[in-house]
Amino acid sequence: MADFALELQTELVTLLANDPTLISLIGTGKIIDAPRRGQRPPFITIKNHEFAPRDAIATSLFDHEVELEFWHARSARQLGFQVAEQVVDLFSNHNFGTSFRTVRQNHRHTKTSIEPRTGWAKTLIGLRITLEPIS
């Protein structure tokens, strides 16, 4: 089960990190698992990745909820929405997995906020995918 989570997460990071549109919006090397202390935006990090077995007859399914967090130094939300739109488009149109089959994938939410102390903007992008292991 955990192998599928790591494979999915690695594939998602690779997909986003190699997208020319995202690179033009935020730069290269800006898709990371966790930010370094003192790291300045822009960057996208995997804030949360939860997975659980799903009750299914005659098959094993696993639901994955992935939440990405995009930080940028401009307090305008427009860049956050542009990045979220590109992330959702890439996620929704990609066939994930070599050791599992994608059953369903969808966009759960996009939320924006401004960090009062720094003025940085944060965009949360929630994604959901259901996977079936390939025997």
N, C-alpha and C. Protein backbone atom coordinates (compact mmCIF):
# COMPACT_ATOMS: atom_id res chain seq x y z
N MET A 1 0.81 -1.19 0.00
CA MET A 1 0.00 0.00 0.00
C MET A 1 0.86 1.26 0.00
N ALA A 2 1.85 1.32 0.89
CA ALA A 2 2.70 2.50 0.97
C ALA A 2 3.52 2.68 -0.30
N ASP A 3 3.88 1.55 -0.96
CA ASP A 3 4.62 1.64 -2.22
C ASP A 3 3.84 2.41 -3.27
N PHE A 4 2.52 2.16 -3.33
CA PHE A 4 1.68 2.89 -4.28
C PHE A 4 1.66 4.38 -3.96
N ALA A 5 1.60 4.72 -2.70
CA ALA A 5 1.58 6.12 -2.29
C ALA A 5 2.86 6.82 -2.70
N LEU A 6 4.00 6.17 -2.45
CA LEU A 6 5.28 6.77 -2.83
C LEU A 6 5.44 6.87 -4.34
N GLU A 7 5.00 5.83 -5.05
CA GLU A 7 5.07 5.86 -6.52
C GLU A 7 4.20 6.99 -7.08
N LEU A 8 2.99 7.10 -6.55
CA LEU A 8 2.08 8.16 -7.00
C LEU A 8 2.67 9.54 -6.71
N GLN A 9 3.17 9.73 -5.51
CA GLN A 9 3.72 11.03 -5.13
C GLN A 9 4.94 11.38 -5.99
N THR A 10 5.82 10.43 -6.22
CA THR A 10 7.00 10.65 -7.06
C THR A 10 6.58 11.00 -8.48
N GLU A 11 5.61 10.28 -9.01
CA GLU A 11 5.14 10.53 -10.37
C GLU A 11 4.49 11.92 -10.48
N LEU A 12 3.73 12.32 -9.46
CA LEU A 12 3.09 13.63 -9.47
C LEU A 12 4.14 14.75 -9.43
N VAL A 13 5.12 14.63 -8.56
CA VAL A 13 6.18 15.64 -8.47
C VAL A 13 6.94 15.74 -9.79
N THR A 14 7.27 14.61 -10.39
CA THR A 14 7.97 14.60 -11.68
C THR A 14 7.13 15.25 -12.77
N LEU A 15 5.84 14.92 -12.81
CA LEU A 15 4.92 15.51 -13.79
C LEU A 15 4.91 17.03 -13.68
N LEU A 16 4.77 17.53 -12.47
CA LEU A 16 4.69 18.98 -12.26
C LEU A 16 6.04 19.66 -12.51
N ALA A 17 7.12 19.04 -12.04
CA ALA A 17 8.45 19.65 -12.17
C ALA A 17 8.92 19.77 -13.62
N ASN A 18 8.39 18.92 -14.50
CA ASN A 18 8.82 18.94 -15.90
C ASN A 18 7.85 19.66 -16.83
N ASP A 19 6.84 20.30 -16.27
CA ASP A 19 5.86 21.00 -17.11
C ASP A 19 6.36 22.39 -17.48
N PRO A 20 6.49 22.69 -18.78
CA PRO A 20 7.01 24.00 -19.20
C PRO A 20 6.15 25.17 -18.74
N THR A 21 4.84 24.99 -18.66
CA THR A 21 3.97 26.09 -18.22
C THR A 21 4.22 26.41 -16.76
N LEU A 22 4.31 25.39 -15.91
CA LEU A 22 4.60 25.64 -14.49
C LEU A 22 5.98 26.25 -14.32
N ILE A 23 6.96 25.77 -15.09
CA ILE A 23 8.31 26.32 -15.01
C ILE A 23 8.28 27.80 -15.37
N SER A 24 7.50 28.18 -16.39
CA SER A 24 7.43 29.59 -16.78
C SER A 24 6.73 30.43 -15.71
N LEU A 25 5.83 29.82 -14.94
CA LEU A 25 5.11 30.56 -13.90
C LEU A 25 5.92 30.71 -12.61
N ILE A 26 6.65 29.65 -12.21
CA ILE A 26 7.32 29.70 -10.89
C ILE A 26 8.81 29.40 -10.93
N GLY A 27 9.34 28.93 -12.06
CA GLY A 27 10.77 28.64 -12.16
C GLY A 27 11.07 27.15 -12.01
N THR A 28 12.33 26.79 -12.18
CA THR A 28 12.75 25.39 -12.09
C THR A 28 13.12 25.04 -10.65
N GLY A 29 12.98 23.76 -10.32
CA GLY A 29 13.35 23.29 -9.00
C GLY A 29 12.45 23.79 -7.89
N LYS A 30 11.23 24.12 -8.21
CA LYS A 30 10.32 24.73 -7.23
C LYS A 30 9.22 23.78 -6.76
N ILE A 31 9.27 22.51 -7.19
CA ILE A 31 8.32 21.50 -6.72
C ILE A 31 9.09 20.64 -5.73
N ILE A 32 8.74 20.71 -4.44
CA ILE A 32 9.54 20.05 -3.41
C ILE A 32 8.63 19.29 -2.44
N ASP A 33 9.22 18.32 -1.76
CA ASP A 33 8.46 17.55 -0.78
C ASP A 33 8.22 18.39 0.47
N ALA A 34 9.23 19.09 0.93
CA ALA A 34 9.10 19.95 2.10
C ALA A 34 10.08 21.12 1.95
N PRO A 35 9.66 22.33 2.26
CA PRO A 35 10.55 23.49 2.10
C PRO A 35 11.67 23.48 3.14
N ARG A 36 12.83 23.99 2.72
CA ARG A 36 13.93 24.17 3.66
C ARG A 36 13.61 25.33 4.59
N ARG A 37 14.19 25.33 5.76
CA ARG A 37 13.99 26.44 6.69
C ARG A 37 14.45 27.73 6.03
N GLY A 38 13.61 28.73 6.03
CA GLY A 38 13.95 30.02 5.45
C GLY A 38 13.80 30.10 3.94
N GLN A 39 13.28 29.05 3.31
CA GLN A 39 13.12 29.06 1.85
C GLN A 39 12.12 30.14 1.45
N ARG A 40 12.46 30.87 0.42
CA ARG A 40 11.60 31.95 -0.07
C ARG A 40 10.76 31.45 -1.24
N PRO A 41 9.54 31.92 -1.34
CA PRO A 41 8.68 31.54 -2.46
C PRO A 41 9.19 32.14 -3.76
N PRO A 42 8.74 31.61 -4.87
CA PRO A 42 7.63 30.67 -5.03
C PRO A 42 8.09 29.22 -4.91
N PHE A 43 7.22 28.37 -4.41
CA PHE A 43 7.44 26.94 -4.42
C PHE A 43 6.12 26.21 -4.19
N ILE A 44 6.09 24.96 -4.65
CA ILE A 44 4.95 24.07 -4.41
C ILE A 44 5.47 22.92 -3.56
N THR A 45 4.76 22.61 -2.51
CA THR A 45 5.14 21.50 -1.64
C THR A 45 3.95 20.56 -1.46
N ILE A 46 4.24 19.31 -1.18
CA ILE A 46 3.18 18.36 -0.86
C ILE A 46 2.89 18.54 0.62
N LYS A 47 1.76 19.17 0.90
CA LYS A 47 1.40 19.46 2.29
C LYS A 47 0.92 18.19 2.99
N ASN A 48 0.15 17.40 2.27
CA ASN A 48 -0.48 16.25 2.90
C ASN A 48 -0.74 15.17 1.85
N HIS A 49 -0.56 13.92 2.23
CA HIS A 49 -0.91 12.79 1.36
C HIS A 49 -1.49 11.70 2.25
N GLU A 50 -2.77 11.48 2.13
CA GLU A 50 -3.45 10.45 2.91
C GLU A 50 -3.96 9.38 1.96
N PHE A 51 -3.93 8.13 2.40
CA PHE A 51 -4.52 7.07 1.60
C PHE A 51 -5.16 6.04 2.51
N ALA A 52 -6.19 5.42 1.98
CA ALA A 52 -6.93 4.42 2.76
C ALA A 52 -7.56 3.42 1.80
N PRO A 53 -7.71 2.16 2.27
CA PRO A 53 -8.40 1.17 1.43
C PRO A 53 -9.86 1.56 1.28
N ARG A 54 -10.39 1.22 0.15
CA ARG A 54 -11.80 1.51 -0.13
C ARG A 54 -12.54 0.19 -0.23
N ASP A 55 -13.70 0.14 0.34
CA ASP A 55 -14.50 -1.08 0.32
C ASP A 55 -14.98 -1.33 -1.12
N ALA A 56 -14.57 -2.44 -1.68
CA ALA A 56 -14.96 -2.78 -3.04
C ALA A 56 -15.12 -4.30 -3.14
N ILE A 57 -16.04 -4.72 -3.94
CA ILE A 57 -16.28 -6.15 -4.14
C ILE A 57 -15.36 -6.64 -5.25
N ALA A 58 -14.65 -7.75 -4.97
CA ALA A 58 -13.83 -8.45 -5.95
C ALA A 58 -12.61 -7.67 -6.42
N THR A 59 -12.24 -6.60 -5.73
CA THR A 59 -11.02 -5.88 -6.11
C THR A 59 -10.52 -5.09 -4.91
N SER A 60 -9.28 -4.68 -4.96
CA SER A 60 -8.69 -3.83 -3.92
C SER A 60 -8.52 -2.44 -4.49
N LEU A 61 -9.20 -1.48 -3.90
CA LEU A 61 -9.07 -0.09 -4.33
C LEU A 61 -8.51 0.73 -3.18
N PHE A 62 -7.77 1.78 -3.52
CA PHE A 62 -7.20 2.67 -2.52
C PHE A 62 -7.46 4.11 -2.93
N ASP A 63 -8.06 4.88 -2.03
CA ASP A 63 -8.28 6.31 -2.26
C ASP A 63 -7.09 7.09 -1.73
N HIS A 64 -6.60 8.02 -2.54
CA HIS A 64 -5.50 8.90 -2.16
C HIS A 64 -5.98 10.34 -2.22
N GLU A 65 -5.78 11.05 -1.14
CA GLU A 65 -6.05 12.49 -1.07
C GLU A 65 -4.70 13.19 -0.97
N VAL A 66 -4.40 14.03 -1.95
CA VAL A 66 -3.14 14.77 -1.96
C VAL A 66 -3.47 16.25 -1.93
N GLU A 67 -2.83 16.96 -1.00
CA GLU A 67 -3.02 18.41 -0.96
C GLU A 67 -1.67 19.07 -1.19
N LEU A 68 -1.64 19.90 -2.22
CA LEU A 68 -0.44 20.66 -2.55
C LEU A 68 -0.60 22.07 -2.01
N GLU A 69 0.52 22.66 -1.64
CA GLU A 69 0.52 24.02 -1.11
C GLU A 69 1.47 24.85 -1.97
N PHE A 70 0.94 25.90 -2.59
CA PHE A 70 1.75 26.78 -3.42
C PHE A 70 1.90 28.11 -2.70
N TRP A 71 3.13 28.51 -2.46
CA TRP A 71 3.44 29.79 -1.83
C TRP A 71 4.08 30.71 -2.85
N HIS A 72 3.68 31.98 -2.84
CA HIS A 72 4.38 32.97 -3.65
C HIS A 72 4.39 34.30 -2.92
N ALA A 73 5.37 35.13 -3.25
CA ALA A 73 5.64 36.35 -2.48
C ALA A 73 4.71 37.50 -2.83
N ARG A 74 4.01 37.40 -3.93
CA ARG A 74 3.06 38.48 -4.26
C ARG A 74 1.76 38.23 -3.52
N SER A 75 1.19 39.28 -2.98
CA SER A 75 -0.03 39.10 -2.21
C SER A 75 -1.28 39.03 -3.10
N ALA A 76 -1.11 39.07 -4.40
CA ALA A 76 -2.24 38.90 -5.31
C ALA A 76 -2.52 37.41 -5.49
N ARG A 77 -3.78 37.05 -5.64
CA ARG A 77 -4.16 35.65 -5.76
C ARG A 77 -4.11 35.14 -7.20
N GLN A 78 -3.95 36.02 -8.16
CA GLN A 78 -4.01 35.63 -9.57
C GLN A 78 -3.00 34.54 -9.92
N LEU A 79 -1.76 34.68 -9.48
CA LEU A 79 -0.75 33.66 -9.78
C LEU A 79 -1.13 32.32 -9.17
N GLY A 80 -1.68 32.35 -7.97
CA GLY A 80 -2.13 31.11 -7.32
C GLY A 80 -3.19 30.39 -8.13
N PHE A 81 -4.14 31.14 -8.66
CA PHE A 81 -5.18 30.53 -9.48
C PHE A 81 -4.62 30.00 -10.79
N GLN A 82 -3.67 30.70 -11.39
CA GLN A 82 -3.04 30.22 -12.62
C GLN A 82 -2.30 28.91 -12.39
N VAL A 83 -1.54 28.86 -11.30
CA VAL A 83 -0.79 27.64 -10.97
C VAL A 83 -1.76 26.50 -10.67
N ALA A 84 -2.80 26.77 -9.88
CA ALA A 84 -3.79 25.74 -9.55
C ALA A 84 -4.45 25.19 -10.80
N GLU A 85 -4.80 26.06 -11.72
CA GLU A 85 -5.44 25.62 -12.96
C GLU A 85 -4.53 24.69 -13.75
N GLN A 86 -3.25 25.02 -13.82
CA GLN A 86 -2.30 24.17 -14.56
C GLN A 86 -2.08 22.84 -13.85
N VAL A 87 -1.95 22.87 -12.52
CA VAL A 87 -1.77 21.64 -11.74
C VAL A 87 -2.97 20.71 -11.94
N VAL A 88 -4.16 21.25 -11.83
CA VAL A 88 -5.38 20.44 -11.98
C VAL A 88 -5.48 19.87 -13.39
N ASP A 89 -5.14 20.67 -14.39
CA ASP A 89 -5.19 20.19 -15.78
C ASP A 89 -4.20 19.04 -15.98
N LEU A 90 -2.98 19.19 -15.49
CA LEU A 90 -1.98 18.13 -15.62
C LEU A 90 -2.43 16.87 -14.89
N PHE A 91 -2.89 17.02 -13.66
CA PHE A 91 -3.33 15.88 -12.85
C PHE A 91 -4.49 15.16 -13.50
N SER A 92 -5.47 15.91 -13.97
CA SER A 92 -6.69 15.31 -14.52
C SER A 92 -6.47 14.57 -15.83
N ASN A 93 -5.45 14.96 -16.57
CA ASN A 93 -5.22 14.39 -17.90
C ASN A 93 -4.05 13.41 -17.96
N HIS A 94 -3.49 13.07 -16.82
CA HIS A 94 -2.34 12.17 -16.79
C HIS A 94 -2.79 10.77 -16.38
N ASN A 95 -2.26 9.76 -17.06
CA ASN A 95 -2.51 8.37 -16.68
C ASN A 95 -1.42 7.93 -15.72
N PHE A 96 -1.76 7.87 -14.45
CA PHE A 96 -0.79 7.55 -13.41
C PHE A 96 -0.56 6.05 -13.31
N GLY A 97 0.64 5.68 -12.91
CA GLY A 97 0.94 4.34 -12.46
C GLY A 97 1.45 3.36 -13.48
N THR A 98 2.36 2.52 -12.99
CA THR A 98 2.82 1.37 -13.75
C THR A 98 2.47 0.09 -12.99
N SER A 99 2.38 0.19 -11.67
CA SER A 99 2.03 -0.97 -10.86
C SER A 99 0.59 -0.89 -10.34
N PHE A 100 -0.12 0.13 -10.78
CA PHE A 100 -1.53 0.28 -10.42
C PHE A 100 -2.28 0.93 -11.58
N ARG A 101 -3.58 0.79 -11.54
CA ARG A 101 -4.46 1.38 -12.56
C ARG A 101 -5.27 2.49 -11.90
N THR A 102 -5.37 3.62 -12.59
CA THR A 102 -6.18 4.72 -12.09
C THR A 102 -7.64 4.43 -12.38
N VAL A 103 -8.46 4.42 -11.34
CA VAL A 103 -9.89 4.19 -11.47
C VAL A 103 -10.62 5.52 -11.64
N ARG A 104 -10.21 6.51 -10.84
CA ARG A 104 -10.86 7.83 -10.90
C ARG A 104 -9.89 8.85 -10.34
N GLN A 105 -9.91 10.04 -10.90
CA GLN A 105 -9.11 11.14 -10.37
C GLN A 105 -9.89 12.44 -10.55
N ASN A 106 -9.85 13.29 -9.53
CA ASN A 106 -10.57 14.55 -9.64
C ASN A 106 -9.96 15.62 -8.72
N HIS A 107 -10.36 16.84 -9.01
CA HIS A 107 -9.95 18.02 -8.26
C HIS A 107 -10.95 18.20 -7.12
N ARG A 108 -10.47 18.30 -5.90
CA ARG A 108 -11.35 18.43 -4.72
C ARG A 108 -11.61 19.88 -4.35
N HIS A 109 -10.56 20.71 -4.35
CA HIS A 109 -10.74 22.11 -3.95
C HIS A 109 -9.51 22.94 -4.30
N THR A 110 -9.73 24.23 -4.37
CA THR A 110 -8.66 25.22 -4.43
C THR A 110 -9.03 26.29 -3.42
N LYS A 111 -8.10 26.59 -2.51
CA LYS A 111 -8.33 27.59 -1.47
C LYS A 111 -7.15 28.55 -1.47
N THR A 112 -7.43 29.84 -1.32
CA THR A 112 -6.35 30.82 -1.25
C THR A 112 -6.43 31.60 0.05
N SER A 113 -5.27 32.07 0.49
CA SER A 113 -5.21 32.93 1.67
C SER A 113 -3.92 33.76 1.60
N ILE A 114 -3.89 34.83 2.39
CA ILE A 114 -2.71 35.67 2.48
C ILE A 114 -2.17 35.54 3.90
N GLU A 115 -0.88 35.27 4.04
CA GLU A 115 -0.22 35.18 5.34
C GLU A 115 -0.01 36.60 5.84
N PRO A 116 -0.68 37.02 6.91
CA PRO A 116 -0.61 38.42 7.35
C PRO A 116 0.79 38.92 7.71
N ARG A 117 1.60 38.08 8.34
CA ARG A 117 2.92 38.51 8.79
C ARG A 117 3.87 38.81 7.63
N THR A 118 3.85 37.96 6.59
CA THR A 118 4.80 38.11 5.49
C THR A 118 4.17 38.74 4.25
N GLY A 119 2.84 38.64 4.14
CA GLY A 119 2.16 39.10 2.93
C GLY A 119 2.20 38.08 1.81
N TRP A 120 2.79 36.90 2.06
CA TRP A 120 2.85 35.86 1.04
C TRP A 120 1.47 35.27 0.82
N ALA A 121 1.22 34.88 -0.41
CA ALA A 121 -0.05 34.23 -0.76
C ALA A 121 0.15 32.72 -0.75
N LYS A 122 -0.89 32.03 -0.28
CA LYS A 122 -0.87 30.57 -0.24
C LYS A 122 -2.09 30.06 -0.98
N THR A 123 -1.87 29.06 -1.83
CA THR A 123 -2.96 28.40 -2.55
C THR A 123 -2.88 26.91 -2.23
N LEU A 124 -3.97 26.37 -1.69
CA LEU A 124 -4.06 24.93 -1.43
C LEU A 124 -4.82 24.29 -2.57
N ILE A 125 -4.28 23.19 -3.08
CA ILE A 125 -4.89 22.48 -4.21
C ILE A 125 -5.13 21.04 -3.77
N GLY A 126 -6.38 20.66 -3.64
CA GLY A 126 -6.73 19.31 -3.20
C GLY A 126 -7.05 18.41 -4.38
N LEU A 127 -6.40 17.25 -4.41
CA LEU A 127 -6.57 16.28 -5.49
C LEU A 127 -6.96 14.93 -4.89
N ARG A 128 -7.75 14.18 -5.63
CA ARG A 128 -8.13 12.84 -5.17
C ARG A 128 -7.99 11.86 -6.32
N ILE A 129 -7.45 10.68 -6.00
CA ILE A 129 -7.28 9.64 -7.02
C ILE A 129 -7.56 8.28 -6.38
N THR A 130 -8.27 7.44 -7.09
CA THR A 130 -8.55 6.08 -6.64
C THR A 130 -7.74 5.12 -7.51
N LEU A 131 -6.99 4.24 -6.85
CA LEU A 131 -6.08 3.33 -7.56
C LEU A 131 -6.46 1.88 -7.31
N GLU A 132 -6.18 1.06 -8.30
CA GLU A 132 -6.35 -0.39 -8.18
C GLU A 132 -5.01 -1.04 -8.51
N PRO A 133 -4.46 -1.83 -7.59
CA PRO A 133 -3.19 -2.52 -7.88
C PRO A 133 -3.32 -3.46 -9.06
N ILE A 134 -2.27 -3.52 -9.86
CA ILE A 134 -2.22 -4.48 -10.97
C ILE A 134 -1.53 -5.72 -10.43
N SER A 135 -2.19 -6.87 -10.53
CA SER A 135 -1.63 -8.11 -9.94
C SER A 135 -0.36 -8.53 -10.60
